[in-house]
N, C-alpha and C. Protein backbone atom coordinates (compact mmCIF):
# COMPACT_ATOMS: atom_id res chain seq x y z
N UNK A 1 -14.36 13.54 10.19
CA UNK A 1 -13.89 13.51 8.56
C UNK A 1 -12.43 13.50 8.23
N UNK A 2 -11.28 13.92 8.99
CA UNK A 2 -10.27 13.60 8.90
C UNK A 2 -10.12 12.45 9.17
N UNK A 3 -10.73 12.12 10.45
CA UNK A 3 -10.37 10.32 10.30
C UNK A 3 -10.64 9.58 9.09
N UNK A 4 -11.98 9.70 8.65
CA UNK A 4 -12.27 8.66 8.19
C UNK A 4 -10.95 8.61 6.42
N UNK A 5 -11.08 10.07 6.28
CA UNK A 5 -10.17 10.15 5.19
C UNK A 5 -8.45 9.16 5.63
N UNK A 6 -7.90 9.60 6.72
CA UNK A 6 -6.65 9.09 7.10
C UNK A 6 -7.23 7.43 6.76
N UNK A 7 -7.74 7.04 7.50
CA UNK A 7 -8.05 5.44 7.23
C UNK A 7 -7.83 5.24 5.84
N UNK A 8 -8.98 5.63 5.15
CA UNK A 8 -8.59 5.52 3.53
C UNK A 8 -7.61 5.58 3.26
N UNK A 9 -7.29 6.23 2.99
CA UNK A 9 -5.73 6.39 2.60
C UNK A 9 -4.71 5.04 3.36
N UNK A 10 -4.87 5.04 4.82
CA UNK A 10 -4.10 3.98 5.21
C UNK A 10 -4.77 2.43 4.48
N UNK A 11 -5.60 2.07 4.52
CA UNK A 11 -6.07 1.45 3.91
C UNK A 11 -5.42 0.73 2.49
N UNK A 12 -5.16 2.29 1.71
CA UNK A 12 -5.04 1.73 0.51
C UNK A 12 -3.70 1.95 0.35
N UNK A 13 -2.63 2.62 1.23
CA UNK A 13 -1.19 1.97 1.32
C UNK A 13 -0.91 0.73 1.88
N UNK A 14 -1.82 0.06 2.62
CA UNK A 14 -1.88 -1.09 3.02
C UNK A 14 -1.87 -2.19 2.41
N UNK A 15 -3.19 -1.92 1.40
CA UNK A 15 -3.24 -2.53 0.47
C UNK A 15 -2.54 -3.38 -0.69
N UNK A 16 -1.87 -1.60 -0.72
CA UNK A 16 -0.63 -1.86 -1.85
C UNK A 16 0.88 -2.87 -1.07
N UNK A 17 0.91 -2.64 -0.22
CA UNK A 17 2.07 -3.31 0.44
C UNK A 17 1.70 -4.59 0.72
N UNK A 18 0.38 -5.20 0.59
CA UNK A 18 -0.10 -6.45 0.69
C UNK A 18 -0.10 -7.11 -0.53
N UNK A 19 -0.45 -6.52 -1.89
CA UNK A 19 -0.91 -7.31 -3.03
C UNK A 19 0.16 -6.99 -3.67
N UNK A 20 0.96 -6.53 -2.93
CA UNK A 20 2.68 -6.45 -4.26
C UNK A 20 3.77 -7.63 -3.66
N UNK A 21 3.22 -8.08 -2.88
CA UNK A 21 3.81 -9.05 -2.09
C UNK A 21 4.03 -10.58 -3.00
N UNK A 22 5.04 -11.02 -3.68
CA UNK A 22 4.54 -12.03 -3.79
C UNK A 22 3.96 -13.54 -3.23
N UNK A 23 3.38 -14.33 -3.88
CA UNK A 23 3.00 -15.97 -3.25
C UNK A 23 3.80 -16.37 -2.14
N UNK A 24 5.41 -16.80 -2.76
CA UNK A 24 6.14 -17.09 -2.42
C UNK A 24 6.60 -16.34 -0.88
N UNK A 25 7.03 -15.57 -1.30
CA UNK A 25 7.46 -13.99 -0.05
C UNK A 25 6.41 -14.15 1.23
N UNK A 26 5.10 -14.54 0.81
CA UNK A 26 3.80 -14.66 2.48
C UNK A 26 3.99 -15.71 2.77
N UNK A 27 4.26 -16.59 2.22
CA UNK A 27 4.19 -17.79 2.68
C UNK A 27 5.28 -19.12 3.66
N UNK A 28 6.70 -17.94 3.57
CA UNK A 28 7.97 -18.39 4.54
C UNK A 28 7.92 -17.66 5.53
N UNK A 29 8.52 -18.83 6.63
CA UNK A 29 8.92 -18.13 8.25
C UNK A 29 10.13 -17.05 7.40
N UNK A 30 10.19 -16.04 8.40
CA UNK A 30 11.31 -15.11 8.06
C UNK A 30 12.54 -16.16 8.70
N UNK A 31 14.19 -15.65 7.35
CA UNK A 31 14.76 -16.57 7.23
C UNK A 31 15.75 -16.34 7.95
N UNK A 32 15.91 -15.28 8.53
CA UNK A 32 16.75 -14.66 9.81
C UNK A 32 16.00 -14.25 11.62
N UNK A 33 17.06 -14.14 12.32
CA UNK A 33 16.51 -13.79 13.46
C UNK A 33 15.71 -12.16 13.60
N UNK A 34 14.41 -11.54 13.82
CA UNK A 34 14.10 -10.40 13.54
C UNK A 34 15.72 -9.59 14.93
N UNK A 35 15.62 -8.19 14.34
CA UNK A 35 16.41 -7.71 14.48
C UNK A 35 16.80 -6.92 16.02
N UNK A 36 17.53 -7.02 16.98
CA UNK A 36 17.62 -6.79 18.15
C UNK A 36 16.82 -5.36 18.29
N UNK A 37 16.43 -4.86 19.49
CA UNK A 37 15.91 -3.34 19.57
C UNK A 37 16.64 -2.34 19.42
N UNK A 38 18.02 -2.59 19.36
CA UNK A 38 19.23 -1.75 19.34
C UNK A 38 19.01 -1.51 18.10
N UNK A 39 18.77 -2.53 17.13
CA UNK A 39 19.09 -2.34 15.21
C UNK A 39 17.45 -1.85 15.30
N UNK A 40 16.52 -2.01 16.11
CA UNK A 40 15.20 -1.57 15.10
C UNK A 40 15.18 0.09 14.20
N UNK A 41 14.66 -0.23 13.43
CA UNK A 41 14.26 0.55 12.65
C UNK A 41 16.34 1.49 12.06
N UNK A 42 17.12 0.84 11.80
CA UNK A 42 17.94 0.87 11.04
C UNK A 42 18.12 -0.61 10.23
N UNK A 43 17.70 -1.00 9.09
CA UNK A 43 17.86 -1.99 8.52
C UNK A 43 18.95 -2.17 7.80
N UNK A 44 19.67 -2.89 7.77
CA UNK A 44 21.08 -3.76 7.38
C UNK A 44 20.63 -3.64 5.68
N UNK A 45 21.29 -3.45 4.86
CA UNK A 45 20.68 -3.50 3.56
C UNK A 45 22.00 -5.25 2.92
N UNK A 46 21.59 -5.54 2.32
CA UNK A 46 21.82 -6.56 2.27
C UNK A 46 23.06 -6.24 1.20
N UNK A 47 24.01 -7.45 0.74
CA UNK A 47 25.44 -7.18 -0.26
C UNK A 47 25.31 -6.54 -1.65
N UNK A 48 25.06 -5.64 -2.32
CA UNK A 48 24.93 -5.47 -3.45
C UNK A 48 24.33 -6.81 -4.60
N UNK A 49 25.47 -7.56 -4.33
CA UNK A 49 24.63 -9.43 -5.37
C UNK A 49 23.50 -9.19 -4.84
N UNK A 50 23.39 -9.51 -3.86
CA UNK A 50 22.36 -10.49 -3.08
C UNK A 50 21.05 -9.07 -3.67
N UNK A 51 21.36 -7.62 -3.24
CA UNK A 51 20.34 -6.82 -3.80
C UNK A 51 19.91 -6.77 -5.25
N UNK A 52 20.99 -7.41 -5.78
CA UNK A 52 20.77 -7.57 -7.68
C UNK A 52 19.92 -8.09 -7.63
N UNK A 53 20.73 -9.68 -7.05
CA UNK A 53 19.20 -10.88 -7.55
C UNK A 53 18.04 -10.70 -6.66
N UNK A 54 18.17 -9.74 -5.46
CA UNK A 54 16.88 -9.95 -5.13
C UNK A 54 15.77 -9.21 -6.24
N UNK A 55 16.58 -8.07 -6.73
CA UNK A 55 15.56 -6.96 -8.14
C UNK A 55 15.95 -7.75 -9.17
N UNK A 56 16.64 -9.05 -9.75
CA UNK A 56 16.24 -9.78 -10.75
C UNK A 56 14.64 -10.71 -10.40
N UNK A 57 14.84 -11.13 -9.05
CA UNK A 57 13.62 -12.31 -8.96
C UNK A 57 12.57 -11.39 -8.77
N UNK A 58 12.59 -9.95 -8.07
CA UNK A 58 11.31 -8.96 -8.58
C UNK A 58 10.70 -8.95 -10.05
N UNK A 59 11.53 -8.78 -10.72
CA UNK A 59 11.49 -8.57 -11.82
C UNK A 59 11.13 -9.80 -12.71
N UNK A 60 11.53 -10.78 -12.93
CA UNK A 60 10.75 -12.26 -13.18
C UNK A 60 9.65 -12.81 -12.63
N UNK A 61 9.29 -12.53 -11.37
CA UNK A 61 8.09 -12.49 -10.95
C UNK A 61 6.82 -11.52 -11.45
N UNK A 62 7.45 -10.03 -11.93
CA UNK A 62 6.24 -9.29 -12.30
C UNK A 62 5.88 -8.63 -11.36
N UNK A 63 6.78 -8.61 -10.25
CA UNK A 63 6.20 -7.79 -9.42
C UNK A 63 5.69 -6.11 -9.10
N UNK A 64 7.00 -5.57 -10.22
CA UNK A 64 6.57 -4.50 -10.38
C UNK A 64 5.55 -4.36 -11.09
N UNK A 65 5.01 -4.78 -12.21
CA UNK A 65 3.98 -4.65 -13.51
C UNK A 65 2.38 -5.02 -12.37
N UNK A 66 2.72 -5.72 -11.52
CA UNK A 66 1.92 -6.32 -10.07
C UNK A 66 1.40 -5.02 -8.80
N UNK A 67 2.79 -4.14 -8.94
CA UNK A 67 2.60 -2.87 -7.62
C UNK A 67 1.49 -2.30 -8.59
N UNK A 68 2.28 -2.06 -9.86
CA UNK A 68 1.96 -0.78 -10.79
C UNK A 68 0.35 -1.18 -10.69
N UNK A 69 -0.16 -1.60 -11.13
CA UNK A 69 -1.77 -2.43 -11.03
C UNK A 69 -2.52 -2.59 -10.22
N UNK A 70 -1.70 -3.14 -8.91
CA UNK A 70 -2.08 -3.25 -7.45
C UNK A 70 -2.88 -1.13 -7.49
N UNK A 71 -1.54 -0.55 -8.06
CA UNK A 71 -2.03 1.05 -7.05
C UNK A 71 -3.30 1.37 -7.52
N UNK A 72 -3.09 0.61 -8.94
CA UNK A 72 -4.14 1.68 -10.01
C UNK A 72 -5.68 0.96 -9.61
N UNK A 73 -5.53 -0.16 -9.28
CA UNK A 73 -6.72 -1.20 -8.69
C UNK A 73 -7.47 -0.09 -7.72
N UNK A 74 -5.86 -0.28 -6.46
CA UNK A 74 -6.72 0.33 -4.69
C UNK A 74 -7.05 1.54 -5.36
N UNK A 75 -6.54 2.48 -6.13
CA UNK A 75 -7.02 3.66 -6.40
C UNK A 75 -8.49 4.03 -6.78
N UNK A 76 -8.48 2.85 -7.83
CA UNK A 76 -9.89 2.61 -8.17
C UNK A 76 -11.21 2.59 -7.08
N UNK A 77 -10.75 1.55 -6.05
CA UNK A 77 -11.62 1.28 -5.44
C UNK A 77 -11.61 2.32 -4.21
N UNK A 78 -10.65 3.10 -3.26
CA UNK A 78 -10.44 4.16 -2.72
C UNK A 78 -10.83 5.64 -2.80
N UNK A 79 -10.96 5.53 -4.10
CA UNK A 79 -11.22 7.11 -4.62
C UNK A 79 -12.42 7.11 -4.36
N UNK A 80 -13.81 6.50 -4.61
CA UNK A 80 -15.09 6.85 -3.93
C UNK A 80 -15.64 7.09 -2.72
N UNK A 81 -14.49 5.98 -1.82
CA UNK A 81 -14.60 5.78 -0.74
C UNK A 81 -14.25 6.96 0.05
N UNK A 82 -13.13 7.47 -0.71
CA UNK A 82 -12.26 9.04 -0.08
C UNK A 82 -13.40 10.22 0.02
N UNK A 83 -13.99 10.01 -1.84
CA UNK A 83 -14.87 11.05 -1.79
C UNK A 83 -16.16 11.34 -1.15
N UNK A 84 -16.58 9.59 -1.08
CA UNK A 84 -17.39 10.35 0.17
C UNK A 84 -17.45 10.51 2.05
N UNK A 85 -15.95 10.03 2.06
CA UNK A 85 -16.24 10.74 3.63
C UNK A 85 -15.91 11.75 3.61
N UNK A 86 -16.23 12.48 2.12
CA UNK A 86 -16.28 14.63 2.70
C UNK A 86 -17.28 14.66 2.55
N UNK A 87 -17.28 15.96 3.23
CA UNK A 87 -18.99 16.36 2.95
C UNK A 87 -19.24 16.88 1.30
N UNK A 88 -20.48 16.55 1.11
CA UNK A 88 -21.01 16.66 -0.12
C UNK A 88 -20.80 18.30 -0.44
N UNK A 89 -20.35 18.54 -2.32
CA UNK A 89 -19.69 20.02 -2.58
C UNK A 89 -19.00 19.50 -3.90
N UNK A 90 -19.03 20.67 -4.77
CA UNK A 90 -18.51 20.63 -5.97
C UNK A 90 -16.65 20.14 -5.54
N UNK A 91 -16.27 20.49 -4.77
CA UNK A 91 -15.09 20.77 -4.42
C UNK A 91 -14.66 19.24 -4.51
N UNK A 92 -14.87 18.26 -4.37
CA UNK A 92 -14.88 17.03 -3.84
C UNK A 92 -13.98 16.49 -4.86
N UNK A 93 -14.61 16.51 -5.92
CA UNK A 93 -13.99 15.42 -6.73
C UNK A 93 -12.42 16.01 -7.34
N UNK A 94 -12.31 17.45 -7.54
CA UNK A 94 -10.97 18.24 -7.57
C UNK A 94 -9.95 17.67 -5.94
N UNK A 95 -10.53 18.19 -5.01
CA UNK A 95 -10.15 18.12 -3.69
C UNK A 95 -8.83 16.13 -4.28
N UNK A 96 -9.84 15.50 -4.65
CA UNK A 96 -9.48 13.90 -4.45
C UNK A 96 -8.68 13.68 -5.63
N UNK A 97 -9.33 14.40 -6.71
CA UNK A 97 -8.11 14.18 -7.96
C UNK A 97 -6.65 14.64 -7.43
N UNK A 98 -6.53 16.19 -7.31
CA UNK A 98 -5.40 16.70 -6.29
C UNK A 98 -4.88 15.76 -5.50
N UNK A 99 -5.48 14.77 -4.92
CA UNK A 99 -5.09 14.38 -3.41
C UNK A 99 -3.97 13.01 -4.70
N UNK A 100 -4.61 13.10 -5.89
CA UNK A 100 -3.95 11.81 -6.04
C UNK A 100 -2.85 12.12 -6.98
N UNK A 101 -3.24 13.15 -7.40
CA UNK A 101 -1.93 13.32 -8.32
C UNK A 101 -0.94 14.06 -7.08
N UNK A 102 -1.14 14.63 -6.15
CA UNK A 102 0.29 14.85 -5.10
C UNK A 102 0.84 13.49 -4.54
N UNK A 103 0.22 12.70 -4.44
CA UNK A 103 0.50 11.02 -4.21
C UNK A 103 0.82 10.77 -4.62
N UNK A 104 1.01 10.01 -6.29
CA UNK A 104 1.86 9.59 -7.20
C UNK A 104 3.10 10.66 -7.11
N UNK A 105 3.22 12.07 -7.60
CA UNK A 105 4.53 12.44 -6.84
C UNK A 105 5.18 11.51 -6.26
N UNK A 106 4.66 11.07 -5.06
CA UNK A 106 5.57 10.93 -4.06
C UNK A 106 5.83 9.01 -3.99
N UNK A 107 4.89 8.25 -4.19
CA UNK A 107 4.74 6.75 -4.18
C UNK A 107 4.65 6.61 -5.54
N UNK A 108 6.21 5.54 -5.69
CA UNK A 108 6.21 5.40 -6.90
C UNK A 108 6.63 4.23 -6.74
N UNK A 109 6.73 3.20 -7.99
CA UNK A 109 6.96 1.70 -8.03
C UNK A 109 8.68 1.21 -7.23
N UNK A 110 9.48 2.57 -8.07
CA UNK A 110 11.00 2.13 -7.77
C UNK A 110 10.93 2.20 -6.60
N UNK A 111 10.00 2.94 -5.00
CA UNK A 111 10.21 3.49 -3.86
C UNK A 111 9.70 1.59 -3.84
N UNK A 112 8.63 1.23 -3.63
CA UNK A 112 7.90 0.46 -3.61
C UNK A 112 9.22 -0.63 -3.78
N UNK A 113 9.85 -1.01 -4.48
CA UNK A 113 11.04 -2.33 -4.86
C UNK A 113 12.47 -2.05 -3.80
N UNK A 114 12.46 -0.45 -3.83
CA UNK A 114 13.67 -0.64 -2.49
C UNK A 114 12.85 -0.96 -1.53
N UNK A 115 11.91 -0.43 -0.92
CA UNK A 115 10.98 -0.91 0.32
C UNK A 115 11.16 -2.58 0.68
N UNK A 116 10.89 -3.04 -0.99
CA UNK A 116 10.91 -4.82 -1.07
C UNK A 116 12.48 -5.57 -0.43
N UNK A 117 13.26 -4.85 -1.25
CA UNK A 117 14.37 -5.37 -1.16
C UNK A 117 15.38 -5.76 0.41
N UNK A 118 14.83 -4.49 1.77
CA UNK A 118 15.74 -5.95 2.78
C UNK A 118 13.88 -6.68 3.33
N UNK A 119 13.03 -6.06 2.72
CA UNK A 119 12.25 -7.25 3.79
C UNK A 119 12.66 -8.77 2.68
N UNK A 120 12.59 -8.79 1.31
CA UNK A 120 12.94 -9.83 0.99
C UNK A 120 14.24 -10.60 1.50
N UNK A 121 15.01 -9.78 2.10
CA UNK A 121 16.07 -9.95 2.22
C UNK A 121 16.16 -10.83 3.73
N UNK A 122 15.41 -10.17 4.92
CA UNK A 122 14.99 -10.32 6.08
C UNK A 122 14.16 -11.72 5.60
N UNK A 123 13.50 -12.19 4.84
CA UNK A 123 12.99 -13.27 4.70
C UNK A 123 13.96 -14.55 4.21
N UNK A 124 14.41 -14.91 3.05
CA UNK A 124 15.15 -15.15 2.40
C UNK A 124 16.99 -15.06 2.06
N UNK A 125 17.26 -16.21 2.29
CA UNK A 125 18.79 -16.03 2.40
C UNK A 125 18.81 -15.62 0.88
N UNK A 126 20.52 -16.15 0.45
CA UNK A 126 20.83 -15.68 -0.51
C UNK A 126 21.18 -16.96 -1.32
N UNK A 127 20.73 -18.03 -0.78
CA UNK A 127 20.84 -19.05 -1.53
C UNK A 127 18.66 -19.16 -1.93
N UNK A 128 18.35 -18.74 -1.43
CA UNK A 128 16.45 -18.43 -1.40
C UNK A 128 16.56 -17.98 -3.09
N UNK A 129 16.89 -16.87 -2.47
CA UNK A 129 16.80 -16.12 -3.89
C UNK A 129 17.15 -16.68 -4.87
N UNK A 130 18.76 -16.98 -5.14
CA UNK A 130 18.56 -17.82 -6.17
C UNK A 130 18.04 -18.73 -6.29
N UNK A 131 17.38 -19.67 -5.65
CA UNK A 131 16.32 -21.06 -5.86
C UNK A 131 15.63 -20.85 -7.23
N UNK A 132 15.19 -19.00 -6.05
CA UNK A 132 13.73 -18.70 -6.61
C UNK A 132 13.89 -18.10 -8.71
N UNK A 133 14.84 -17.37 -8.33
CA UNK A 133 15.29 -17.03 -10.27
C UNK A 133 15.37 -18.39 -10.93
N UNK A 134 16.00 -19.46 -10.18
CA UNK A 134 16.18 -20.58 -11.49
C UNK A 134 14.94 -21.21 -11.30
N UNK A 135 13.85 -20.94 -10.28
CA UNK A 135 12.93 -21.84 -10.78
C UNK A 135 12.04 -20.40 -12.27
N UNK A 136 11.90 -19.19 -11.35
CA UNK A 136 10.49 -18.44 -12.21
C UNK A 136 11.56 -18.20 -13.72
N UNK A 137 12.69 -18.39 -14.41
CA UNK A 137 13.22 -18.63 -15.26
C UNK A 137 12.77 -19.76 -16.07
N UNK A 138 12.31 -21.44 -14.97
CA UNK A 138 11.69 -22.18 -15.67
C UNK A 138 10.18 -21.78 -17.24
N UNK A 139 10.12 -22.40 -17.56
CA UNK A 139 8.52 -22.42 -17.63
C UNK A 139 7.40 -22.58 -17.18
N UNK A 140 7.52 -23.55 -16.14
CA UNK A 140 6.66 -23.44 -15.36
C UNK A 140 6.28 -22.67 -14.08
N UNK A 141 7.69 -21.67 -13.88
CA UNK A 141 8.12 -19.98 -13.12
C UNK A 141 7.45 -19.69 -14.45
N UNK A 142 7.20 -19.30 -14.70
CA UNK A 142 7.09 -18.14 -15.89
C UNK A 142 5.17 -18.33 -16.09
N UNK A 143 5.03 -19.80 -16.37
CA UNK A 143 3.44 -19.94 -16.08
C UNK A 143 3.07 -19.55 -15.26
N UNK A 144 3.19 -20.15 -13.91
CA UNK A 144 2.95 -19.09 -12.18
C UNK A 144 3.17 -17.75 -12.33
N UNK A 145 4.22 -17.14 -13.17
CA UNK A 145 3.52 -15.86 -13.05
C UNK A 145 2.37 -14.96 -13.75
N UNK A 146 2.55 -15.48 -14.93
CA UNK A 146 1.84 -15.41 -15.90
C UNK A 146 -0.13 -15.76 -15.22
N UNK A 147 0.28 -17.16 -14.77
CA UNK A 147 -1.24 -17.24 -14.36
C UNK A 147 -2.10 -17.20 -12.45
N UNK A 148 -1.26 -16.57 -11.65
CA UNK A 148 -1.11 -16.28 -10.23
C UNK A 148 -1.67 -14.94 -10.04
N UNK A 149 -1.87 -14.03 -11.72
CA UNK A 149 -2.78 -12.60 -10.94
C UNK A 149 -4.34 -13.31 -11.28
N UNK A 150 -4.69 -14.16 -12.05
CA UNK A 150 -5.75 -14.18 -12.34
C UNK A 150 -6.51 -15.33 -11.34
N UNK A 151 -5.19 -16.01 -10.67
CA UNK A 151 -5.77 -17.58 -10.58
C UNK A 151 -6.20 -16.54 -9.08
N UNK A 152 -5.56 -15.75 -8.04
CA UNK A 152 -5.75 -15.02 -7.41
C UNK A 152 -6.90 -13.94 -6.96
N UNK A 153 -6.93 -13.41 -8.51
CA UNK A 153 -8.42 -13.04 -8.24
C UNK A 153 -9.66 -13.41 -8.62
N UNK A 154 -9.35 -14.58 -9.28
CA UNK A 154 -10.40 -14.98 -9.38
C UNK A 154 -11.01 -16.03 -7.87
N UNK A 155 -10.13 -16.16 -7.07
CA UNK A 155 -9.70 -17.07 -5.66
C UNK A 155 -10.66 -16.02 -5.38
N UNK A 156 -10.04 -14.73 -4.71
CA UNK A 156 -10.58 -13.46 -4.29
C UNK A 156 -12.08 -13.50 -4.73
N UNK A 157 -12.73 -13.32 -5.75
CA UNK A 157 -14.29 -13.20 -6.11
C UNK A 157 -15.01 -14.35 -5.94
N UNK A 158 -14.22 -15.60 -5.44
CA UNK A 158 -15.31 -16.58 -5.21
C UNK A 158 -15.22 -16.51 -3.50
N UNK A 159 -14.30 -16.41 -3.34
CA UNK A 159 -14.00 -16.04 -1.75
C UNK A 159 -14.89 -14.91 -1.35
N UNK A 160 -14.75 -13.60 -1.95
CA UNK A 160 -16.27 -12.89 -1.23
C UNK A 160 -17.68 -13.20 -1.28
N UNK A 161 -18.10 -13.90 -2.50
CA UNK A 161 -18.98 -14.32 -2.63
C UNK A 161 -19.47 -15.04 -1.72
N UNK A 162 -18.49 -16.16 -1.86
CA UNK A 162 -18.56 -17.70 -0.32
C UNK A 162 -18.63 -16.44 1.18
N UNK A 163 -18.59 -15.76 1.24
CA UNK A 163 -18.58 -14.88 2.29
C UNK A 163 -19.33 -14.36 2.21
N UNK A 164 -19.89 -13.81 1.36
CA UNK A 164 -21.58 -12.97 0.90
C UNK A 164 -22.45 -14.39 1.70
N UNK A 165 -22.61 -15.12 0.46
CA UNK A 165 -23.49 -16.27 1.32
C UNK A 165 -23.69 -16.69 2.59
N UNK A 166 -22.46 -17.20 2.85
CA UNK A 166 -22.78 -17.29 4.79
C UNK A 166 -23.13 -16.44 5.54
N UNK A 167 -22.44 -14.78 4.61
CA UNK A 167 -23.25 -13.92 6.03
C UNK A 167 -24.67 -14.03 5.74
N UNK A 168 -24.85 -14.17 4.97
CA UNK A 168 -26.48 -14.32 4.45
C UNK A 168 -26.92 -14.94 5.14
N UNK A 169 -26.81 -16.00 5.05
CA UNK A 169 -27.36 -17.69 5.35
C UNK A 169 -27.05 -17.06 6.99
N UNK A 170 -26.10 -16.94 7.68
CA UNK A 170 -25.62 -17.00 9.05
C UNK A 170 -26.78 -15.89 9.64
N UNK A 171 -27.28 -14.49 8.96
CA UNK A 171 -27.84 -13.22 9.40
C UNK A 171 -29.27 -14.22 9.66
N UNK A 172 -29.76 -14.94 8.55
CA UNK A 172 -31.01 -15.31 8.47
C UNK A 172 -31.34 -16.44 9.71
N UNK A 173 -30.04 -17.22 9.90
CA UNK A 173 -30.17 -18.35 11.40
C UNK A 173 -30.72 -17.50 11.85
N UNK A 174 -29.67 -16.11 12.29
CA UNK A 174 -29.73 -15.88 13.72
C UNK A 174 -31.42 -14.66 13.89
N UNK A 175 -31.84 -14.40 12.67
CA UNK A 175 -33.20 -14.13 13.30
C UNK A 175 -34.02 -15.13 12.72
N UNK A 176 -33.95 -15.98 12.42
CA UNK A 176 -35.01 -17.49 13.07
C UNK A 176 -35.07 -18.03 14.01
N UNK A 177 -33.79 -18.36 14.91
CA UNK A 177 -33.31 -18.71 16.05
C UNK A 177 -33.70 -18.02 17.13
N UNK A 178 -33.66 -16.43 16.92
CA UNK A 178 -34.67 -15.29 17.83
C UNK A 178 -35.09 -14.42 17.55
N UNK A 179 -36.61 -14.30 17.55
CA UNK A 179 -37.32 -13.74 16.65
C UNK A 179 -37.16 -12.41 17.37
N UNK A 180 -37.32 -12.16 18.75
CA UNK A 180 -37.11 -11.41 19.58
C UNK A 180 -36.43 -9.98 19.15
N UNK A 181 -34.62 -10.52 18.50
CA UNK A 181 -33.76 -10.09 17.31
C UNK A 181 -34.85 -9.34 16.40
N UNK A 182 -35.28 -9.92 15.52
CA UNK A 182 -35.86 -10.24 14.31
C UNK A 182 -37.33 -8.43 14.59
N UNK A 183 -37.70 -9.09 15.39
CA UNK A 183 -38.37 -8.02 16.09
C UNK A 183 -37.94 -5.87 16.67
N UNK A 184 -36.56 -6.63 16.93
CA UNK A 184 -35.81 -5.55 17.72
C UNK A 184 -35.42 -4.59 16.80
N UNK A 185 -35.18 -5.14 15.25
CA UNK A 185 -34.66 -4.70 14.64
C UNK A 185 -35.35 -4.08 13.73
N UNK A 186 -36.42 -4.85 12.97
CA UNK A 186 -37.55 -4.42 12.45
C UNK A 186 -38.17 -2.48 13.03
N UNK A 187 -38.32 -2.43 14.42
CA UNK A 187 -38.53 -1.43 14.90
C UNK A 187 -37.44 -0.34 15.06
N UNK A 188 -36.70 -0.88 15.42
CA UNK A 188 -35.02 0.38 15.21
C UNK A 188 -35.14 0.61 13.69
N UNK A 189 -35.80 0.27 12.78
CA UNK A 189 -35.56 0.62 10.85
C UNK A 189 -36.65 0.93 11.02
N UNK A 190 -37.96 1.48 12.11
CA UNK A 190 -39.18 2.46 11.97
C UNK A 190 -38.32 3.77 12.43
């Protein structure tokens, strides 16, 4: 039971981090080499000027708003899964609500921004950040910021539907090609 709840919470946090990334950040290789094993765990913070530029980029791209919305959406999808991982009882809703209340007191968007700064520093040079700021200040950059959440949402939905259709087709084809498996499945369901 605890393992399922931990997995659900881990998925929640992982999805927040994944969805909080802007499209360009996830498509570029690191601009710097990986830290040596002696330096791992002790991330070097970028210069104050670069930190300010990264925060400006996050603001221009709507990353903080995206982070907030992602946290809200992930909570909506994780809440039932977390509740269902617990044994039935009147306590479940209260426990889950108190968990998320406690979680929100610890996890806020500003902490995610602080987490993002050294990661953007790792993947982008100072010139990259300045170039992205220039782009996102243009009309096309602002159109990209406005369109990307809807575009990604529709693409995700279409991809999920396609995946479900292909999964259904694949299972039907496997059952048709292997009647012994279809019979074994029917026997197991009895």
